[in-house]
C-alpha atoms as a PDB file:
ATOM      1  CA  MET A   1      38.495   7.761 -14.789  1.00  0.00           C
ATOM      2  CA  GLY A   2      38.725   3.949 -13.027  1.00  0.00           C
ATOM      3  CA  VAL A   3      39.790   0.586 -14.349  1.00  0.00           C
ATOM      4  CA  GLU A   4      37.394   0.184 -17.693  1.00  0.00           C
ATOM      5  CA  THR A   5      35.456  -3.713 -17.401  1.00  0.00           C
ATOM      6  CA  ALA A   6      35.526  -6.041 -19.932  1.00  0.00           C
ATOM      7  CA  THR A   7      35.614  -9.455 -21.619  1.00  0.00           C
ATOM      8  CA  TYR A   8      35.697  -8.605 -25.250  1.00  0.00           C
ATOM      9  CA  ILE A   9      37.890  -6.584 -27.293  1.00  0.00           C
ATOM     10  CA  SER A  10      34.993  -4.685 -28.672  1.00  0.00           C
ATOM     11  CA  GLN A  11      34.280  -3.754 -25.427  1.00  0.00           C
ATOM     12  CA  LEU A  12      37.891  -2.425 -24.618  1.00  0.00           C
ATOM     13  CA  SER A  13      38.043   1.442 -25.395  1.00  0.00           C
ATOM     14  CA  ALA A  14      40.907   2.858 -27.729  1.00  0.00           C
ATOM     15  CA  THR A  15      40.697   6.189 -25.475  1.00  0.00           C
ATOM     16  CA  ASN A  16      41.543   4.540 -22.411  1.00  0.00           C
ATOM     17  CA  PRO A  17      43.693   5.208 -20.127  1.00  0.00           C
ATOM     18  CA  LEU A  18      42.977   9.136 -20.311  1.00  0.00           C
ATOM     19  CA  GLY A  19      46.606  11.073 -19.623  1.00  0.00           C
ATOM     20  CA  THR A  20      44.843  12.452 -17.230  1.00  0.00           C
ATOM     21  CA  ASP A  21      44.396   8.866 -14.768  1.00  0.00           C
ATOM     22  CA  PRO A  22      46.877   8.196 -12.145  1.00  0.00           C
ATOM     23  CA  ILE A  23      49.877   5.903 -13.128  1.00  0.00           C
ATOM     24  CA  SER A  24      48.621   3.522 -10.247  1.00  0.00           C
ATOM     25  CA  GLU A  25      45.884   2.131 -12.357  1.00  0.00           C
ATOM     26  CA  GLY A  26      48.054   1.307 -15.157  1.00  0.00           C
ATOM     27  CA  ASP A  27      49.163  -1.814 -13.956  1.00  0.00           C
ATOM     28  CA  ASN A  28      45.228  -2.877 -13.226  1.00  0.00           C
ATOM     29  CA  GLN A  29      44.695  -1.718 -16.757  1.00  0.00           C
ATOM     30  CA  ILE A  30      47.499  -3.856 -18.258  1.00  0.00           C
ATOM     31  CA  ARG A  31      46.106  -6.680 -16.483  1.00  0.00           C
ATOM     32  CA  LEU A  32      42.763  -6.112 -17.842  1.00  0.00           C
ATOM     33  CA  VAL A  33      44.054  -5.979 -21.358  1.00  0.00           C
ATOM     34  CA  LYS A  34      45.871  -9.502 -20.715  1.00  0.00           C
ATOM     35  CA  ASP A  35      42.409 -11.223 -18.927  1.00  0.00           C
ATOM     36  CA  VAL A  36      40.288 -10.067 -22.469  1.00  0.00           C
ATOM     37  CA  LEU A  37      42.729 -11.550 -24.905  1.00  0.00           C
ATOM     38  CA  GLN A  38      42.848 -14.591 -23.165  1.00  0.00           C
ATOM     39  CA  LYS A  39      39.182 -14.800 -22.321  1.00  0.00           C
ATOM     40  CA  GLN A  40      38.425 -13.921 -26.220  1.00  0.00           C
ATOM     41  CA  PHE A  41      40.970 -16.303 -27.725  1.00  0.00           C
ATOM     42  CA  THR A  42      40.783 -19.774 -25.258  1.00  0.00           C
ATOM     43  CA  THR A  43      42.347 -21.743 -27.845  1.00  0.00           C
ATOM     44  CA  LEU A  44      45.235 -20.885 -29.133  1.00  0.00           C
ATOM     45  CA  GLY A  45      47.610 -22.497 -26.744  1.00  0.00           C
ATOM     46  CA  ALA A  46      51.502 -22.226 -26.283  1.00  0.00           C
ATOM     47  CA  ALA A  47      52.196 -22.305 -30.150  1.00  0.00           C
ATOM     48  CA  ALA A  48      52.922 -19.633 -32.083  1.00  0.00           C
ATOM     49  CA  VAL A  49      49.945 -18.759 -34.718  1.00  0.00           C
ATOM     50  CA  THR A  50      51.467 -18.269 -38.238  1.00  0.00           C
ATOM     51  CA  THR A  51      48.550 -17.126 -40.350  1.00  0.00           C
ATOM     52  CA  THR A  52      49.069 -14.370 -42.392  1.00  0.00           C
ATOM     53  CA  ALA A  53      46.231 -11.855 -42.512  1.00  0.00           C
ATOM     54  CA  GLY A  54      45.681 -12.849 -46.177  1.00  0.00           C
ATOM     55  CA  GLU A  55      44.854 -16.069 -44.797  1.00  0.00           C
ATOM     56  CA  LEU A  56      42.772 -15.171 -42.415  1.00  0.00           C
ATOM     57  CA  ASN A  57      40.819 -13.111 -44.620  1.00  0.00           C
ATOM     58  CA  VAL A  58      39.742 -15.902 -46.341  1.00  0.00           C
ATOM     59  CA  LEU A  59      37.368 -15.605 -43.478  1.00  0.00           C
ATOM     60  CA  ASP A  60      35.936 -12.573 -44.096  1.00  0.00           C
ATOM     61  CA  ALA A  61      32.358 -12.375 -45.357  1.00  0.00           C
ATOM     62  CA  VAL A  62      31.759 -15.866 -45.576  1.00  0.00           C
ATOM     63  CA  THR A  63      27.897 -16.916 -45.422  1.00  0.00           C
ATOM     64  CA  ALA A  64      27.445 -20.578 -44.394  1.00  0.00           C
ATOM     65  CA  GLY A  65      26.552 -22.884 -46.712  1.00  0.00           C
ATOM     66  CA  THR A  66      27.129 -20.691 -49.687  1.00  0.00           C
ATOM     67  CA  ALA A  67      30.714 -21.192 -51.741  1.00  0.00           C
ATOM     68  CA  ALA A  68      32.470 -17.541 -52.589  1.00  0.00           C
ATOM     69  CA  ALA A  69      35.829 -17.118 -54.553  1.00  0.00           C
ATOM     70  CA  SER A  70      38.664 -16.848 -52.361  1.00  0.00           C
ATOM     71  CA  LYS A  71      36.544 -17.669 -49.854  1.00  0.00           C
ATOM     72  CA  ALA A  72      36.455 -20.381 -46.935  1.00  0.00           C
ATOM     73  CA  VAL A  73      33.933 -22.875 -47.843  1.00  0.00           C
ATOM     74  CA  VAL A  74      31.593 -23.430 -44.946  1.00  0.00           C
ATOM     75  CA  LEU A  75      28.859 -25.946 -44.252  1.00  0.00           C
ATOM     76  CA  ASP A  76      25.631 -24.738 -43.312  1.00  0.00           C
ATOM     77  CA  ALA A  77      23.565 -26.328 -39.792  1.00  0.00           C
ATOM     78  CA  ASN A  78      22.376 -29.492 -42.494  1.00  0.00           C
ATOM     79  CA  ALA A  79      26.054 -29.946 -43.817  1.00  0.00           C
ATOM     80  CA  ALA A  80      25.399 -28.658 -46.820  1.00  0.00           C
ATOM     81  CA  VAL A  81      27.060 -26.383 -49.101  1.00  0.00           C
ATOM     82  CA  ASN A  82      25.974 -24.632 -52.195  1.00  0.00           C
ATOM     83  CA  ALA A  83      28.245 -24.526 -54.669  1.00  0.00           C
ATOM     84  CA  VAL A  84      27.698 -21.197 -57.077  1.00  0.00           C
ATOM     85  CA  LYS A  85      28.988 -20.393 -60.635  1.00  0.00           C
ATOM     86  CA  THR A  86      31.710 -18.298 -58.835  1.00  0.00           C
ATOM     87  CA  ALA A  87      33.368 -20.989 -57.219  1.00  0.00           C
ATOM     88  CA  ALA A  88      34.802 -24.371 -59.023  1.00  0.00           C
ATOM     89  CA  LEU A  89      35.518 -27.644 -58.020  1.00  0.00           C
ATOM     90  CA  HIS A  90      38.861 -29.204 -58.422  1.00  0.00           C
ATOM     91  CA  ILE A  91      39.926 -32.987 -57.742  1.00  0.00           C
ATOM     92  CA  GLY A  92      43.488 -34.223 -57.377  1.00  0.00           C
ATOM     93  CA  THR A  93      46.870 -33.968 -55.844  1.00  0.00           C
ATOM     94  CA  SER A  94      48.266 -30.586 -55.271  1.00  0.00           C
ATOM     95  CA  GLY A  95      49.721 -29.202 -58.384  1.00  0.00           C
ATOM     96  CA  SER A  96      47.597 -31.278 -60.735  1.00  0.00           C
ATOM     97  CA  GLU A  97      44.214 -30.440 -60.075  1.00  0.00           C
ATOM     98  CA  THR A  98      41.236 -30.960 -62.874  1.00  0.00           C
ATOM     99  CA  GLN A  99      38.536 -28.741 -62.400  1.00  0.00           C
ATOM    100  CA  VAL A 100      35.017 -30.057 -62.752  1.00  0.00           C
ATOM    101  CA  THR A 101      33.005 -29.635 -65.172  1.00  0.00           C
ATOM    102  CA  ALA A 102      29.861 -32.118 -64.397  1.00  0.00           C
ATOM    103  CA  THR A 103      26.469 -30.556 -64.260  1.00  0.00           C
ATOM    104  CA  GLY A 104      24.735 -30.989 -61.130  1.00  0.00           C
ATOM    105  CA  ALA A 105      22.067 -32.686 -62.981  1.00  0.00           C
ATOM    106  CA  GLU A 106      25.220 -34.925 -64.297  1.00  0.00           C
ATOM    107  CA  LEU A 107      26.588 -35.606 -61.235  1.00  0.00           C
ATOM    108  CA  ASN A 108      22.978 -36.999 -60.414  1.00  0.00           C
ATOM    109  CA  TYR A 109      23.381 -39.478 -62.525  1.00  0.00           C
ATOM    110  CA  ASN A 110      25.214 -41.436 -59.748  1.00  0.00           C
ATOM    111  CA  ASP A 111      22.153 -40.977 -57.688  1.00  0.00           C
ATOM    112  CA  ILE A 112      21.763 -44.772 -58.016  1.00  0.00           C
ATOM    113  CA  THR A 113      18.709 -47.138 -55.810  1.00  0.00           C
ATOM    114  CA  THR A 114      20.864 -50.117 -55.995  1.00  0.00           C
ATOM    115  CA  LEU A 115      24.267 -50.895 -56.975  1.00  0.00           C
ATOM    116  CA  GLY A 116      24.397 -53.349 -60.555  1.00  0.00           C
ATOM    117  CA  THR A 117      20.928 -52.905 -61.355  1.00  0.00           C
ATOM    118  CA  VAL A 118      20.586 -50.423 -64.139  1.00  0.00           C
ATOM    119  CA  GLU A 119      17.372 -47.532 -63.474  1.00  0.00           C
ATOM    120  CA  ALA A 120      16.762 -44.561 -66.535  1.00  0.00           C
ATOM    121  CA  SER A 121      19.098 -41.970 -66.377  1.00  0.00           C
ATOM    122  CA  LYS A 122      21.160 -43.453 -63.889  1.00  0.00           C
ATOM    123  CA  ALA A 123      25.090 -44.425 -64.259  1.00  0.00           C
ATOM    124  CA  VAL A 124      25.392 -48.105 -65.361  1.00  0.00           C
ATOM    125  CA  THR A 125      27.076 -49.994 -62.026  1.00  0.00           C
ATOM    126  CA  ALA A 126      28.464 -52.974 -61.398  1.00  0.00           C
ATOM    127  CA  THR A 127      27.930 -55.243 -58.076  1.00  0.00           C
ATOM    128  CA  ALA A 128      30.932 -56.279 -56.004  1.00  0.00           C
ATOM    129  CA  ALA A 129      30.957 -59.322 -57.860  1.00  0.00           C
ATOM    130  CA  GLY A 130      31.008 -57.478 -61.539  1.00  0.00           C
ATOM    131  CA  LEU A 131      27.461 -58.262 -62.240  1.00  0.00           C
ATOM    132  CA  VAL A 132      25.314 -56.185 -63.937  1.00  0.00           C
ATOM    133  CA  ASN A 133      20.871 -56.461 -63.848  1.00  0.00           C
ATOM    134  CA  HIS A 134      20.075 -54.492 -66.911  1.00  0.00           C
ATOM    135  CA  ALA A 135      16.150 -55.511 -65.354  1.00  0.00           C
ATOM    136  CA  ASP A 136      14.848 -55.402 -68.535  1.00  0.00           C
ATOM    137  CA  TYR A 137      16.527 -52.270 -70.555  1.00  0.00           C
ATOM    138  CA  GLN A 138      17.144 -52.269 -74.093  1.00  0.00           C
ATOM    139  CA  VAL A 139      21.423 -52.290 -75.171  1.00  0.00           C
ATOM    140  CA  THR A 140      21.827 -51.158 -78.243  1.00  0.00           C
ATOM    141  CA  ARG A 141      24.268 -51.155 -80.336  1.00  0.00           C
ATOM    142  CA  PRO A 142      26.976 -53.496 -78.651  1.00  0.00           C
ATOM    143  CA  TYR A 143      29.948 -55.035 -79.538  1.00  0.00           C
ATOM    144  CA  PHE A 144      30.993 -58.191 -78.252  1.00  0.00           C
ATOM    145  CA  LEU A 145      34.010 -60.102 -77.849  1.00  0.00           C
ATOM    146  CA  ASP A 146      35.183 -63.527 -75.958  1.00  0.00           C
ATOM    147  CA  ILE A 147      30.849 -63.515 -74.903  1.00  0.00           C
ATOM    148  CA  ALA A 148      30.183 -66.751 -72.693  1.00  0.00           C
ATOM    149  CA  GLU A 149      26.616 -67.855 -72.041  1.00  0.00           C
ATOM    150  CA  THR A 150      25.261 -69.162 -68.541  1.00  0.00           C
ATOM    151  CA  VAL A 151      24.105 -72.408 -68.626  1.00  0.00           C
ATOM    152  CA  ASN A 152      21.363 -73.994 -66.849  1.00  0.00           C
ATOM    153  CA  ALA A 153      22.478 -77.565 -66.226  1.00  0.00           C
ATOM    154  CA  ILE A 154      18.999 -79.275 -64.622  1.00  0.00           C
ATOM    155  CA  GLY A 155      20.841 -82.491 -64.564  1.00  0.00           C
ATOM    156  CA  ASP A 156      19.588 -85.916 -64.539  1.00  0.00           C
ATOM    157  CA  THR A 157      15.665 -85.321 -64.441  1.00  0.00           C
ATOM    158  CA  GLY A 158      14.552 -88.632 -62.982  1.00  0.00           C
ATOM    159  CA  GLY A 159      11.104 -88.744 -64.758  1.00  0.00           C
ATOM    160  CA  GLY A 160       8.283 -86.632 -63.995  1.00  0.00           C
ATOM    161  CA  THR A 161       7.847 -83.070 -65.000  1.00  0.00           C
ATOM    162  CA  ASP A 162      11.013 -80.219 -64.884  1.00  0.00           C
ATOM    163  CA  ASP A 163      10.657 -76.925 -65.548  1.00  0.00           C
ATOM    164  CA  ILE A 164      13.021 -74.620 -67.872  1.00  0.00           C
ATOM    165  CA  ASP A 165      13.117 -71.383 -66.572  1.00  0.00           C
ATOM    166  CA  ILE A 166      14.951 -69.145 -69.120  1.00  0.00           C
ATOM    167  CA  GLU A 167      16.316 -66.860 -66.479  1.00  0.00           C
ATOM    168  CA  ASP A 168      18.333 -69.797 -65.610  1.00  0.00           C
ATOM    169  CA  GLY A 169      19.786 -69.724 -68.496  1.00  0.00           C
ATOM    170  CA  ASN A 170      19.575 -69.871 -72.187  1.00  0.00           C
ATOM    171  CA  VAL A 171      21.656 -72.590 -72.802  1.00  0.00           C
ATOM    172  CA  VAL A 172      19.934 -76.219 -70.828  1.00  0.00           C
ATOM    173  CA  SER A 173      21.754 -79.377 -70.009  1.00  0.00           C
ATOM    174  CA  ALA A 174      19.590 -82.636 -69.253  1.00  0.00           C
ATOM    175  CA  THR A 175      19.372 -85.966 -69.127  1.00  0.00           C
ATOM    176  CA  VAL A 176      16.155 -88.465 -69.370  1.00  0.00           C
ATOM    177  CA  SER A 177      16.900 -91.495 -67.378  1.00  0.00           C
ATOM    178  CA  THR A 178      14.210 -93.555 -66.281  1.00  0.00           C
ATOM    179  CA  GLY A 179      10.072 -92.887 -66.755  1.00  0.00           C
ATOM    180  CA  THR A 180       8.080 -90.605 -68.668  1.00  0.00           C
ATOM    181  CA  GLN A 181       9.413 -86.637 -68.789  1.00  0.00           C
ATOM    182  CA  THR A 182       7.694 -83.279 -69.108  1.00  0.00           C
ATOM    183  CA  PHE A 183       8.889 -80.289 -69.943  1.00  0.00           C
ATOM    184  CA  THR A 184       7.695 -76.979 -69.038  1.00  0.00           C
ATOM    185  CA  PHE A 185       9.109 -73.680 -69.970  1.00  0.00           C
ATOM    186  CA  SER A 186       8.687 -69.914 -68.351  1.00  0.00           C
ATOM    187  CA  ASN A 187       9.791 -66.818 -67.513  1.00  0.00           C
ATOM    188  CA  PRO A 188      10.075 -65.626 -71.519  1.00  0.00           C
ATOM    189  CA  SER A 189      11.194 -62.182 -73.009  1.00  0.00           C
ATOM    190  CA  ALA A 190       8.411 -59.740 -73.481  1.00  0.00           C
ATOM    191  CA  SER A 191       5.821 -59.942 -76.754  1.00  0.00           C
ATOM    192  CA  ALA A 192       7.850 -58.531 -79.298  1.00  0.00           C
ATOM    193  CA  ARG A 193      10.978 -59.728 -78.117  1.00  0.00           C
ATOM    194  CA  SER A 194      12.685 -62.626 -79.344  1.00  0.00           C
ATOM    195  CA  CYS A 195      13.555 -65.175 -76.808  1.00  0.00           C
ATOM    196  CA  THR A 196      15.961 -68.289 -77.773  1.00  0.00           C
ATOM    197  CA  PHE A 197      17.503 -71.239 -75.689  1.00  0.00           C
ATOM    198  CA  THR A 198      19.218 -73.964 -76.604  1.00  0.00           C
ATOM    199  CA  LEU A 199      18.724 -77.293 -74.890  1.00  0.00           C
ATOM    200  CA  LEU A 200      21.256 -79.904 -74.940  1.00  0.00           C
ATOM    201  CA  LEU A 201      19.194 -83.361 -74.026  1.00  0.00           C
ATOM    202  CA  THR A 202      20.927 -86.491 -73.092  1.00  0.00           C
ATOM    203  CA  ASP A 203      19.309 -90.185 -74.017  1.00  0.00           C
ATOM    204  CA  GLY A 204      16.026 -88.198 -75.140  1.00  0.00           C
ATOM    205  CA  GLY A 205      14.634 -90.856 -76.797  1.00  0.00           C
ATOM    206  CA  SER A 206      15.214 -93.882 -74.137  1.00  0.00           C
ATOM    207  CA  GLN A 207      12.064 -92.444 -72.600  1.00  0.00           C
ATOM    208  CA  THR A 208       8.624 -90.733 -73.622  1.00  0.00           C
ATOM    209  CA  VAL A 209       9.385 -87.163 -73.260  1.00  0.00           C
ATOM    210  CA  ASN A 210       6.339 -84.763 -73.661  1.00  0.00           C
ATOM    211  CA  TRP A 211       6.847 -81.063 -74.629  1.00  0.00           C
ATOM    212  CA  PRO A 212       4.560 -77.866 -74.123  1.00  0.00           C
ATOM    213  CA  GLY A 213       1.504 -77.284 -76.477  1.00  0.00           C
ATOM    214  CA  SER A 214       3.167 -74.284 -77.178  1.00  0.00           C
ATOM    215  CA  VAL A 215       5.881 -75.520 -79.008  1.00  0.00           C
ATOM    216  CA  ASP A 216       5.479 -75.594 -83.249  1.00  0.00           C
ATOM    217  CA  TRP A 217       7.877 -78.021 -84.387  1.00  0.00           C
ATOM    218  CA  ALA A 218       8.827 -77.953 -87.609  1.00  0.00           C
ATOM    219  CA  GLY A 219       7.144 -80.604 -89.993  1.00  0.00           C
ATOM    220  CA  GLY A 220       4.313 -80.134 -87.684  1.00  0.00           C
ATOM    221  CA  SER A 221       5.720 -83.011 -85.244  1.00  0.00           C
ATOM    222  CA  ALA A 222       8.050 -83.414 -82.678  1.00  0.00           C
ATOM    223  CA  PRO A 223      11.549 -84.659 -83.532  1.00  0.00           C
ATOM    224  CA  SER A 224      12.847 -88.351 -82.953  1.00  0.00           C
ATOM    225  CA  LEU A 225      15.804 -88.199 -80.613  1.00  0.00           C
ATOM    226  CA  THR A 226      18.281 -90.261 -79.548  1.00  0.00           C
ATOM    227  CA  SER A 227      18.171 -92.919 -77.097  1.00  0.00           C
ATOM    228  CA  SER A 228      21.546 -92.912 -76.053  1.00  0.00           C
ATOM    229  CA  GLY A 229      23.756 -89.687 -77.033  1.00  0.00           C
ATOM    230  CA  ILE A 230      23.354 -86.175 -77.137  1.00  0.00           C
ATOM    231  CA  ASP A 231      20.377 -84.213 -79.378  1.00  0.00           C
ATOM    232  CA  VAL A 232      20.540 -80.340 -79.868  1.00  0.00           C
ATOM    233  CA  LEU A 233      17.309 -78.448 -79.642  1.00  0.00           C
ATOM    234  CA  THR A 234      16.190 -75.159 -80.482  1.00  0.00           C
ATOM    235  CA  PHE A 235      13.236 -73.174 -78.928  1.00  0.00           C
ATOM    236  CA  THR A 236      12.540 -69.606 -79.908  1.00  0.00           C
ATOM    237  CA  THR A 237       9.469 -66.962 -79.268  1.00  0.00           C
ATOM    238  CA  ILE A 238       8.370 -63.864 -80.483  1.00  0.00           C
ATOM    239  CA  ASP A 239       5.255 -63.627 -78.587  1.00  0.00           C
ATOM    240  CA  ALA A 240       6.114 -64.076 -74.911  1.00  0.00           C
ATOM    241  CA  GLY A 241       5.617 -68.133 -74.802  1.00  0.00           C
ATOM    242  CA  THR A 242       2.796 -68.259 -76.762  1.00  0.00           C
ATOM    243  CA  ILE A 243       4.227 -70.082 -79.382  1.00  0.00           C
ATOM    244  CA  TRP A 244       7.704 -71.466 -79.269  1.00  0.00           C
ATOM    245  CA  TYR A 245       9.272 -72.594 -82.618  1.00  0.00           C
ATOM    246  CA  GLY A 246      11.315 -75.583 -82.211  1.00  0.00           C
ATOM    247  CA  PHE A 247      13.294 -77.483 -84.131  1.00  0.00           C
ATOM    248  CA  LEU A 248      16.292 -80.143 -84.102  1.00  0.00           C
ATOM    249  CA  ALA A 249      19.271 -78.657 -85.025  1.00  0.00           C
ATOM    250  CA  GLY A 250      21.359 -81.462 -84.368  1.00  0.00           C
ATOM    251  CA  ALA A 251      21.032 -85.251 -83.628  1.00  0.00           C
ATOM    252  CA  ASP A 252      22.970 -87.769 -82.135  1.00  0.00           C
ATOM    253  CA  MET A 253      26.059 -85.431 -81.069  1.00  0.00           C
ATOM    254  CA  GLY A 254      27.871 -87.410 -79.062  1.00  0.00           C
END
């Protein structure tokens, strides 16, 4: 017959050597089998292979990228896996795993654009600083405990014009000191939403204070302010600042 040639196990003939082949060719045949095995399994190394036949069979009939019951999960060329209905995902430590029952659509709720900014049909997240920007989306039926509001501390105005920006806080503090003081209001909530801010004004009566023409004062005119003390004023609008309803909530508070 002569010694056959092969590189892989599949190329070896199960019928060789023939019973009529000379014994002198037997050693060559054995060397061939050893050579094929070493070439076929180049990475086994010196360690014993302890994998069972059952464990090896989890690779049988595996389709790359498609999960199947009792089979290994193999990524496709795009590093993706299609988890078909016959496969369930479990998360947890060994022996105490919990099956994931969320649908693909539900899991996609976590596919947010910006951490801490609310988006339609997405999970609400907070930034690393614990901040949540609701981006003017509605919060329905909240139940608050121990709430706080940001104070926009303008400080000493020193006369001139100062803007009260609602986005900087719905509680504002300012001190009137020298020269005529003019206030403007900016960035109220959109129309058909109530927007209110409170102004704690120190020494407002010490100088002339001019208010926006959009302020509709209780009683028809701006209140007299305390020259040395704190007055509390409240302003409300429901039409994005077209009209601000203003009134003196407390005079000479300290």
